[in-house]
Amino acid sequence: MKHIIKEIESIASDVGVIRRKAEEYEKEGDEFDLDMIQVYLMGVNNRLEDLSDLLEYEELAEKIRVVKWK
């Protein structure tokens, strides 16, 4: 379960970086680089999908362990 928590923390950190970049663009009055932000968000989305798959795998593995020990 520790590896799942670390992955969640890492994803949250990535989202924080995206937020800070957006704030920098806004503060400096620069045009918002939507393409770059979209690339970052796609990366976060991929990591969330991988995490979701991992959680489903962990749940299935737990069910198998429970059935095995009955």
PDB file of N, CA and C in Angstrom:
ATOM      1  N   MET A   1       0.820  -1.191   0.000  1.00  0.00           N
ATOM      2  CA  MET A   1       0.000   0.000   0.000  1.00  0.00           C
ATOM      3  C   MET A   1       0.870   1.262   0.000  1.00  0.00           C
ATOM      4  N   LYS A   2       2.101   1.173   0.546  1.00  0.00           N
ATOM      5  CA  LYS A   2       2.985   2.336   0.567  1.00  0.00           C
ATOM      6  C   LYS A   2       3.281   2.853  -0.836  1.00  0.00           C
ATOM      7  N   HIS A   3       3.465   1.930  -1.783  1.00  0.00           N
ATOM      8  CA  HIS A   3       3.788   2.349  -3.142  1.00  0.00           C
ATOM      9  C   HIS A   3       2.624   3.106  -3.775  1.00  0.00           C
ATOM     10  N   ILE A   4       1.410   2.760  -3.388  1.00  0.00           N
ATOM     11  CA  ILE A   4       0.227   3.460  -3.908  1.00  0.00           C
ATOM     12  C   ILE A   4       0.177   4.876  -3.334  1.00  0.00           C
ATOM     13  N   ILE A   5       0.443   5.007  -2.056  1.00  0.00           N
ATOM     14  CA  ILE A   5       0.441   6.324  -1.417  1.00  0.00           C
ATOM     15  C   ILE A   5       1.520   7.207  -2.032  1.00  0.00           C
ATOM     16  N   LYS A   6       2.697   6.648  -2.267  1.00  0.00           N
ATOM     17  CA  LYS A   6       3.780   7.422  -2.885  1.00  0.00           C
ATOM     18  C   LYS A   6       3.390   7.880  -4.288  1.00  0.00           C
ATOM     19  N   GLU A   7       2.724   7.033  -5.037  1.00  0.00           N
ATOM     20  CA  GLU A   7       2.296   7.406  -6.388  1.00  0.00           C
ATOM     21  C   GLU A   7       1.257   8.524  -6.330  1.00  0.00           C
ATOM     22  N   ILE A   8       0.335   8.442  -5.390  1.00  0.00           N
ATOM     23  CA  ILE A   8      -0.667   9.507  -5.228  1.00  0.00           C
ATOM     24  C   ILE A   8       0.028  10.822  -4.872  1.00  0.00           C
ATOM     25  N   GLU A   9       0.991  10.769  -3.969  1.00  0.00           N
ATOM     26  CA  GLU A   9       1.723  11.970  -3.593  1.00  0.00           C
ATOM     27  C   GLU A   9       2.489  12.545  -4.779  1.00  0.00           C
ATOM     28  N   SER A  10       3.060  11.679  -5.588  1.00  0.00           N
ATOM     29  CA  SER A  10       3.805  12.120  -6.768  1.00  0.00           C
ATOM     30  C   SER A  10       2.879  12.783  -7.791  1.00  0.00           C
ATOM     31  N   ILE A  11       1.712  12.195  -8.000  1.00  0.00           N
ATOM     32  CA  ILE A  11       0.741  12.774  -8.927  1.00  0.00           C
ATOM     33  C   ILE A  11       0.275  14.132  -8.404  1.00  0.00           C
ATOM     34  N   ALA A  12       0.013  14.217  -7.113  1.00  0.00           N
ATOM     35  CA  ALA A  12      -0.403  15.484  -6.516  1.00  0.00           C
ATOM     36  C   ALA A  12       0.684  16.545  -6.691  1.00  0.00           C
ATOM     37  N   SER A  13       1.933  16.143  -6.570  1.00  0.00           N
ATOM     38  CA  SER A  13       3.046  17.062  -6.782  1.00  0.00           C
ATOM     39  C   SER A  13       3.068  17.564  -8.222  1.00  0.00           C
ATOM     40  N   ASP A  14       2.844  16.665  -9.166  1.00  0.00           N
ATOM     41  CA  ASP A  14       2.798  17.058 -10.580  1.00  0.00           C
ATOM     42  C   ASP A  14       1.676  18.065 -10.833  1.00  0.00           C
ATOM     43  N   VAL A  15       0.533  17.842 -10.222  1.00  0.00           N
ATOM     44  CA  VAL A  15      -0.586  18.776 -10.370  1.00  0.00           C
ATOM     45  C   VAL A  15      -0.209  20.128  -9.774  1.00  0.00           C
ATOM     46  N   GLY A  16       0.508  20.113  -8.660  1.00  0.00           N
ATOM     47  CA  GLY A  16       0.978  21.354  -8.051  1.00  0.00           C
ATOM     48  C   GLY A  16       1.915  22.124  -8.974  1.00  0.00           C
ATOM     49  N   VAL A  17       2.777  21.409  -9.683  1.00  0.00           N
ATOM     50  CA  VAL A  17       3.683  22.045 -10.643  1.00  0.00           C
ATOM     51  C   VAL A  17       2.873  22.698 -11.768  1.00  0.00           C
ATOM     52  N   ILE A  18       1.876  22.005 -12.256  1.00  0.00           N
ATOM     53  CA  ILE A  18       1.030  22.557 -13.314  1.00  0.00           C
ATOM     54  C   ILE A  18       0.342  23.828 -12.811  1.00  0.00           C
ATOM     55  N   ARG A  19      -0.168  23.788 -11.600  1.00  0.00           N
ATOM     56  CA  ARG A  19      -0.845  24.957 -11.032  1.00  0.00           C
ATOM     57  C   ARG A  19       0.120  26.129 -10.916  1.00  0.00           C
ATOM     58  N   ARG A  20       1.338  25.856 -10.425  1.00  0.00           N
ATOM     59  CA  ARG A  20       2.325  26.938 -10.285  1.00  0.00           C
ATOM     60  C   ARG A  20       2.697  27.532 -11.641  1.00  0.00           C
ATOM     61  N   LYS A  21       2.845  26.685 -12.646  1.00  0.00           N
ATOM     62  CA  LYS A  21       3.150  27.185 -13.997  1.00  0.00           C
ATOM     63  C   LYS A  21       2.029  28.088 -14.486  1.00  0.00           C
ATOM     64  N   ALA A  22       0.799  27.672 -14.284  1.00  0.00           N
ATOM     65  CA  ALA A  22      -0.346  28.478 -14.710  1.00  0.00           C
ATOM     66  C   ALA A  22      -0.359  29.808 -13.962  1.00  0.00           C
ATOM     67  N   GLU A  23      -0.057  29.791 -12.673  1.00  0.00           N
ATOM     68  CA  GLU A  23      -0.017  31.023 -11.887  1.00  0.00           C
ATOM     69  C   GLU A  23       1.095  31.954 -12.367  1.00  0.00           C
ATOM     70  N   GLU A  24       2.251  31.357 -12.744  1.00  0.00           N
ATOM     71  CA  GLU A  24       3.358  32.162 -13.267  1.00  0.00           C
ATOM     72  C   GLU A  24       2.947  32.868 -14.552  1.00  0.00           C
ATOM     73  N   TYR A  25       2.294  32.127 -15.446  1.00  0.00           N
ATOM     74  CA  TYR A  25       1.834  32.737 -16.694  1.00  0.00           C
ATOM     75  C   TYR A  25       0.893  33.894 -16.399  1.00  0.00           C
ATOM     76  N   GLU A  26      -0.024  33.669 -15.468  1.00  0.00           N
ATOM     77  CA  GLU A  26      -1.010  34.690 -15.131  1.00  0.00           C
ATOM     78  C   GLU A  26      -0.335  35.912 -14.502  1.00  0.00           C
ATOM     79  N   LYS A  27       0.603  35.674 -13.590  1.00  0.00           N
ATOM     80  CA  LYS A  27       1.280  36.754 -12.873  1.00  0.00           C
ATOM     81  C   LYS A  27       2.115  37.609 -13.824  1.00  0.00           C
ATOM     82  N   GLU A  28       2.795  36.956 -14.753  1.00  0.00           N
ATOM     83  CA  GLU A  28       3.671  37.673 -15.673  1.00  0.00           C
ATOM     84  C   GLU A  28       2.909  38.278 -16.844  1.00  0.00           C
ATOM     85  N   GLY A  29       1.632  37.960 -16.931  1.00  0.00           N
ATOM     86  CA  GLY A  29       0.824  38.493 -18.021  1.00  0.00           C
ATOM     87  C   GLY A  29       1.118  37.840 -19.360  1.00  0.00           C
ATOM     88  N   ASP A  30       1.853  36.744 -19.309  1.00  0.00           N
ATOM     89  CA  ASP A  30       2.166  36.028 -20.546  1.00  0.00           C
ATOM     90  C   ASP A  30       0.942  35.283 -21.047  1.00  0.00           C
ATOM     91  N   GLU A  31       0.986  35.001 -22.321  1.00  0.00           N
ATOM     92  CA  GLU A  31      -0.089  34.193 -22.882  1.00  0.00           C
ATOM     93  C   GLU A  31       0.038  32.785 -22.311  1.00  0.00           C
ATOM     94  N   PHE A  32      -1.068  32.261 -21.919  1.00  0.00           N
ATOM     95  CA  PHE A  32      -1.114  30.934 -21.313  1.00  0.00           C
ATOM     96  C   PHE A  32      -0.748  29.895 -22.369  1.00  0.00           C
ATOM     97  N   ASP A  33       0.266  29.091 -22.109  1.00  0.00           N
ATOM     98  CA  ASP A  33       0.718  28.070 -23.053  1.00  0.00           C
ATOM     99  C   ASP A  33      -0.155  26.830 -22.894  1.00  0.00           C
ATOM    100  N   LEU A  34      -1.288  26.850 -23.581  1.00  0.00           N
ATOM    101  CA  LEU A  34      -2.253  25.762 -23.440  1.00  0.00           C
ATOM    102  C   LEU A  34      -1.704  24.427 -23.918  1.00  0.00           C
ATOM    103  N   ASP A  35      -0.888  24.462 -24.950  1.00  0.00           N
ATOM    104  CA  ASP A  35      -0.332  23.204 -25.461  1.00  0.00           C
ATOM    105  C   ASP A  35       0.554  22.528 -24.408  1.00  0.00           C
ATOM    106  N   MET A  36       1.389  23.322 -23.742  1.00  0.00           N
ATOM    107  CA  MET A  36       2.281  22.745 -22.734  1.00  0.00           C
ATOM    108  C   MET A  36       1.478  22.237 -21.541  1.00  0.00           C
ATOM    109  N   ILE A  37       0.511  23.017 -21.104  1.00  0.00           N
ATOM    110  CA  ILE A  37      -0.322  22.584 -19.978  1.00  0.00           C
ATOM    111  C   ILE A  37      -1.077  21.305 -20.351  1.00  0.00           C
ATOM    112  N   GLN A  38      -1.556  21.227 -21.589  1.00  0.00           N
ATOM    113  CA  GLN A  38      -2.271  20.034 -22.034  1.00  0.00           C
ATOM    114  C   GLN A  38      -1.359  18.808 -21.995  1.00  0.00           C
ATOM    115  N   VAL A  39      -0.113  18.973 -22.386  1.00  0.00           N
ATOM    116  CA  VAL A  39       0.853  17.859 -22.343  1.00  0.00           C
ATOM    117  C   VAL A  39       1.051  17.404 -20.898  1.00  0.00           C
ATOM    118  N   TYR A  40       1.226  18.366 -19.985  1.00  0.00           N
ATOM    119  CA  TYR A  40       1.370  18.017 -18.572  1.00  0.00           C
ATOM    120  C   TYR A  40       0.141  17.261 -18.061  1.00  0.00           C
ATOM    121  N   LEU A  41      -1.032  17.777 -18.413  1.00  0.00           N
ATOM    122  CA  LEU A  41      -2.274  17.146 -17.935  1.00  0.00           C
ATOM    123  C   LEU A  41      -2.459  15.753 -18.525  1.00  0.00           C
ATOM    124  N   MET A  42      -2.055  15.557 -19.768  1.00  0.00           N
ATOM    125  CA  MET A  42      -2.150  14.219 -20.363  1.00  0.00           C
ATOM    126  C   MET A  42      -1.245  13.245 -19.611  1.00  0.00           C
ATOM    127  N   GLY A  43      -0.071  13.723 -19.203  1.00  0.00           N
ATOM    128  CA  GLY A  43       0.830  12.878 -18.420  1.00  0.00           C
ATOM    129  C   GLY A  43       0.220  12.506 -17.079  1.00  0.00           C
ATOM    130  N   VAL A  44      -0.407  13.478 -16.422  1.00  0.00           N
ATOM    131  CA  VAL A  44      -1.067  13.207 -15.146  1.00  0.00           C
ATOM    132  C   VAL A  44      -2.214  12.224 -15.361  1.00  0.00           C
ATOM    133  N   ASN A  45      -2.976  12.425 -16.417  1.00  0.00           N
ATOM    134  CA  ASN A  45      -4.093  11.530 -16.713  1.00  0.00           C
ATOM    135  C   ASN A  45      -3.602  10.094 -16.923  1.00  0.00           C
ATOM    136  N   ASN A  46      -2.521   9.927 -17.647  1.00  0.00           N
ATOM    137  CA  ASN A  46      -1.960   8.586 -17.864  1.00  0.00           C
ATOM    138  C   ASN A  46      -1.544   7.944 -16.546  1.00  0.00           C
ATOM    139  N   ARG A  47      -0.942   8.741 -15.670  1.00  0.00           N
ATOM    140  CA  ARG A  47      -0.527   8.207 -14.379  1.00  0.00           C
ATOM    141  C   ARG A  47      -1.730   7.827 -13.530  1.00  0.00           C
ATOM    142  N   LEU A  48      -2.807   8.621 -13.603  1.00  0.00           N
ATOM    143  CA  LEU A  48      -4.028   8.287 -12.860  1.00  0.00           C
ATOM    144  C   LEU A  48      -4.650   6.998 -13.385  1.00  0.00           C
ATOM    145  N   GLU A  49      -4.637   6.819 -14.698  1.00  0.00           N
ATOM    146  CA  GLU A  49      -5.163   5.577 -15.274  1.00  0.00           C
ATOM    147  C   GLU A  49      -4.324   4.383 -14.829  1.00  0.00           C
ATOM    148  N   ASP A  50      -3.005   4.546 -14.817  1.00  0.00           N
ATOM    149  CA  ASP A  50      -2.127   3.466 -14.353  1.00  0.00           C
ATOM    150  C   ASP A  50      -2.398   3.146 -12.883  1.00  0.00           C
ATOM    151  N   LEU A  51      -2.601   4.181 -12.085  1.00  0.00           N
ATOM    152  CA  LEU A  51      -2.900   3.985 -10.668  1.00  0.00           C
ATOM    153  C   LEU A  51      -4.226   3.264 -10.492  1.00  0.00           C
ATOM    154  N   SER A  52      -5.199   3.626 -11.283  1.00  0.00           N
ATOM    155  CA  SER A  52      -6.499   2.959 -11.226  1.00  0.00           C
ATOM    156  C   SER A  52      -6.353   1.476 -11.557  1.00  0.00           C
ATOM    157  N   ASP A  53      -5.576   1.183 -12.593  1.00  0.00           N
ATOM    158  CA  ASP A  53      -5.324  -0.216 -12.952  1.00  0.00           C
ATOM    159  C   ASP A  53      -4.626  -0.953 -11.815  1.00  0.00           C
ATOM    160  N   LEU A  54      -3.654  -0.292 -11.203  1.00  0.00           N
ATOM    161  CA  LEU A  54      -2.925  -0.898 -10.094  1.00  0.00           C
ATOM    162  C   LEU A  54      -3.857  -1.194  -8.921  1.00  0.00           C
ATOM    163  N   LEU A  55      -4.752  -0.262  -8.622  1.00  0.00           N
ATOM    164  CA  LEU A  55      -5.698  -0.471  -7.523  1.00  0.00           C
ATOM    165  C   LEU A  55      -6.630  -1.646  -7.813  1.00  0.00           C
ATOM    166  N   GLU A  56      -7.076  -1.766  -9.062  1.00  0.00           N
ATOM    167  CA  GLU A  56      -7.918  -2.907  -9.429  1.00  0.00           C
ATOM    168  C   GLU A  56      -7.137  -4.208  -9.283  1.00  0.00           C
ATOM    169  N   TYR A  57      -5.871  -4.210  -9.674  1.00  0.00           N
ATOM    170  CA  TYR A  57      -5.027  -5.384  -9.546  1.00  0.00           C
ATOM    171  C   TYR A  57      -4.835  -5.753  -8.076  1.00  0.00           C
ATOM    172  N   GLU A  58      -4.569  -4.733  -7.244  1.00  0.00           N
ATOM    173  CA  GLU A  58      -4.383  -4.968  -5.811  1.00  0.00           C
ATOM    174  C   GLU A  58      -5.648  -5.563  -5.199  1.00  0.00           C
ATOM    175  N   GLU A  59      -6.812  -5.042  -5.591  1.00  0.00           N
ATOM    176  CA  GLU A  59      -8.084  -5.542  -5.062  1.00  0.00           C
ATOM    177  C   GLU A  59      -8.299  -6.997  -5.486  1.00  0.00           C
ATOM    178  N   LEU A  60      -7.999  -7.303  -6.737  1.00  0.00           N
ATOM    179  CA  LEU A  60      -8.144  -8.668  -7.228  1.00  0.00           C
ATOM    180  C   LEU A  60      -7.177  -9.608  -6.504  1.00  0.00           C
ATOM    181  N   ALA A  61      -5.944  -9.147  -6.304  1.00  0.00           N
ATOM    182  CA  ALA A  61      -4.955  -9.969  -5.609  1.00  0.00           C
ATOM    183  C   ALA A  61      -5.405 -10.256  -4.178  1.00  0.00           C
ATOM    184  N   GLU A  62      -6.000  -9.271  -3.526  1.00  0.00           N
ATOM    185  CA  GLU A  62      -6.491  -9.466  -2.160  1.00  0.00           C
ATOM    186  C   GLU A  62      -7.624 -10.495  -2.142  1.00  0.00           C
ATOM    187  N   LYS A  63      -8.518 -10.416  -3.111  1.00  0.00           N
ATOM    188  CA  LYS A  63      -9.619 -11.386  -3.183  1.00  0.00           C
ATOM    189  C   LYS A  63      -9.080 -12.798  -3.391  1.00  0.00           C
ATOM    190  N   ILE A  64      -8.072 -12.926  -4.215  1.00  0.00           N
ATOM    191  CA  ILE A  64      -7.473 -14.231  -4.463  1.00  0.00           C
ATOM    192  C   ILE A  64      -6.834 -14.760  -3.184  1.00  0.00           C
ATOM    193  N   ARG A  65      -6.146 -13.903  -2.438  1.00  0.00           N
ATOM    194  CA  ARG A  65      -5.523 -14.325  -1.172  1.00  0.00           C
ATOM    195  C   ARG A  65      -6.578 -14.794  -0.167  1.00  0.00           C
ATOM    196  N   VAL A  66      -7.701 -14.066  -0.102  1.00  0.00           N
ATOM    197  CA  VAL A  66      -8.771 -14.414   0.829  1.00  0.00           C
ATOM    198  C   VAL A  66      -9.359 -15.784   0.467  1.00  0.00           C
ATOM    199  N   VAL A  67      -9.624 -15.978  -0.814  1.00  0.00           N
ATOM    200  CA  VAL A  67     -10.208 -17.257  -1.260  1.00  0.00           C
ATOM    201  C   VAL A  67      -9.208 -18.389  -1.032  1.00  0.00           C
ATOM    202  N   LYS A  68      -7.956 -18.124  -1.289  1.00  0.00           N
ATOM    203  CA  LYS A  68      -6.918 -19.153  -1.136  1.00  0.00           C
ATOM    204  C   LYS A  68      -6.825 -19.629   0.306  1.00  0.00           C
ATOM    205  N   TRP A  69      -7.011 -18.745   1.269  1.00  0.00           N
ATOM    206  CA  TRP A  69      -6.854 -19.114   2.673  1.00  0.00           C
ATOM    207  C   TRP A  69      -8.115 -19.656   3.308  1.00  0.00           C
ATOM    208  N   LYS A  70      -9.215 -19.653   2.597  1.00  0.00           N
ATOM    209  CA  LYS A  70     -10.476 -20.177   3.162  1.00  0.00           C
ATOM    210  C   LYS A  70     -10.492 -21.673   3.169  1.00  0.00           C
TER     211      LYS A  70
END
